[in-house]
């Protein structure tokens, strides 16, 4: 019979003694870098996204009218 405590203890990762503040700093730095990279990728598309929002806002009444004409389909 296998001892459950030994199995659970071996399944859990061992803490290598890394300080909590260091782990949190690394995770926060990676998150900031990911947000920055995402912003840099999206930057060329911001104008197109803004125009899409404007066109949706302006054409909404026409869409509602067309929806009523076709019985909600």
Protein backbone atom coordinates (compact mmCIF):
# COMPACT_ATOMS: atom_id res chain seq x y z
CA UNK A 1 0.00 0.00 0.00
CA UNK A 2 1.33 3.42 -0.96
CA UNK A 3 1.59 6.05 1.75
CA UNK A 4 -0.62 8.98 0.64
CA UNK A 5 1.42 11.56 2.52
CA UNK A 6 4.59 10.56 0.69
CA UNK A 7 2.79 10.74 -2.65
CA UNK A 8 1.34 14.18 -1.92
CA UNK A 9 4.65 15.48 -0.63
CA UNK A 10 6.50 14.36 -3.75
CA UNK A 11 3.83 15.88 -6.03
CA UNK A 12 4.22 19.36 -4.56
CA UNK A 13 7.02 21.51 -5.96
CA UNK A 14 9.78 22.32 -3.57
CA UNK A 15 10.43 25.95 -2.79
CA UNK A 16 14.00 26.68 -3.83
CA UNK A 17 14.24 29.46 -1.29
CA UNK A 18 13.33 32.25 -3.71
CA UNK A 19 12.11 35.25 -1.72
CA UNK A 20 8.48 36.20 -2.18
CA UNK A 21 9.33 39.81 -3.06
CA UNK A 22 11.59 38.61 -5.89
CA UNK A 23 8.94 36.34 -7.37
CA UNK A 24 6.35 39.12 -7.19
CA UNK A 25 8.75 41.59 -8.79
CA UNK A 26 9.52 39.20 -11.65
CA UNK A 27 5.81 38.50 -12.26
CA UNK A 28 4.96 42.22 -12.15
CA UNK A 29 7.82 43.01 -14.55
CA UNK A 30 6.67 40.33 -16.98
CA UNK A 31 3.12 41.65 -16.82
CA UNK A 32 4.27 45.20 -17.54
CA UNK A 33 6.41 43.96 -20.44
CA UNK A 34 3.47 42.01 -21.85
CA UNK A 35 1.18 45.03 -21.63
CA UNK A 36 3.80 47.22 -23.29
CA UNK A 37 4.34 44.71 -26.10
CA UNK A 38 0.59 44.39 -26.62
CA UNK A 39 0.27 48.16 -26.83
CA UNK A 40 3.07 48.36 -29.39
CA UNK A 41 1.38 45.69 -31.53
CA UNK A 42 -2.04 47.39 -31.35
CA UNK A 43 -0.71 50.92 -31.98
CA UNK A 44 -0.94 50.79 -35.80
CA UNK A 45 -4.57 49.60 -35.56
CA UNK A 46 -5.88 52.25 -33.15
CA UNK A 47 -7.00 54.57 -35.94
CA UNK A 48 -8.95 51.79 -37.66
CA UNK A 49 -10.52 50.74 -34.35
CA UNK A 50 -11.56 54.34 -33.63
CA UNK A 51 -13.14 54.67 -37.10
CA UNK A 52 -14.96 51.37 -36.64
CA UNK A 53 -16.41 52.65 -33.37
CA UNK A 54 -17.52 55.90 -34.99
CA UNK A 55 -19.17 54.08 -37.90
CA UNK A 56 -20.99 51.70 -35.57
CA UNK A 57 -22.28 54.59 -33.48
CA UNK A 58 -23.43 56.59 -36.50
CA UNK A 59 -25.08 53.68 -38.33
CA UNK A 60 -26.91 52.26 -35.30
CA UNK A 61 -30.28 53.97 -36.09
CA UNK A 62 -30.17 52.61 -39.65
CA UNK A 63 -29.45 49.14 -38.30
CA UNK A 64 -32.41 49.35 -35.90
CA UNK A 65 -34.73 50.50 -38.70
CA UNK A 66 -33.55 47.72 -41.01
CA UNK A 67 -34.04 45.18 -38.22
CA UNK A 68 -37.66 46.31 -37.78
CA UNK A 69 -38.31 46.15 -41.55
CA UNK A 70 -37.18 42.52 -41.66
CA UNK A 71 -39.11 41.49 -38.56
CA UNK A 72 -36.12 41.14 -36.26
CA UNK A 73 -34.11 38.91 -38.58
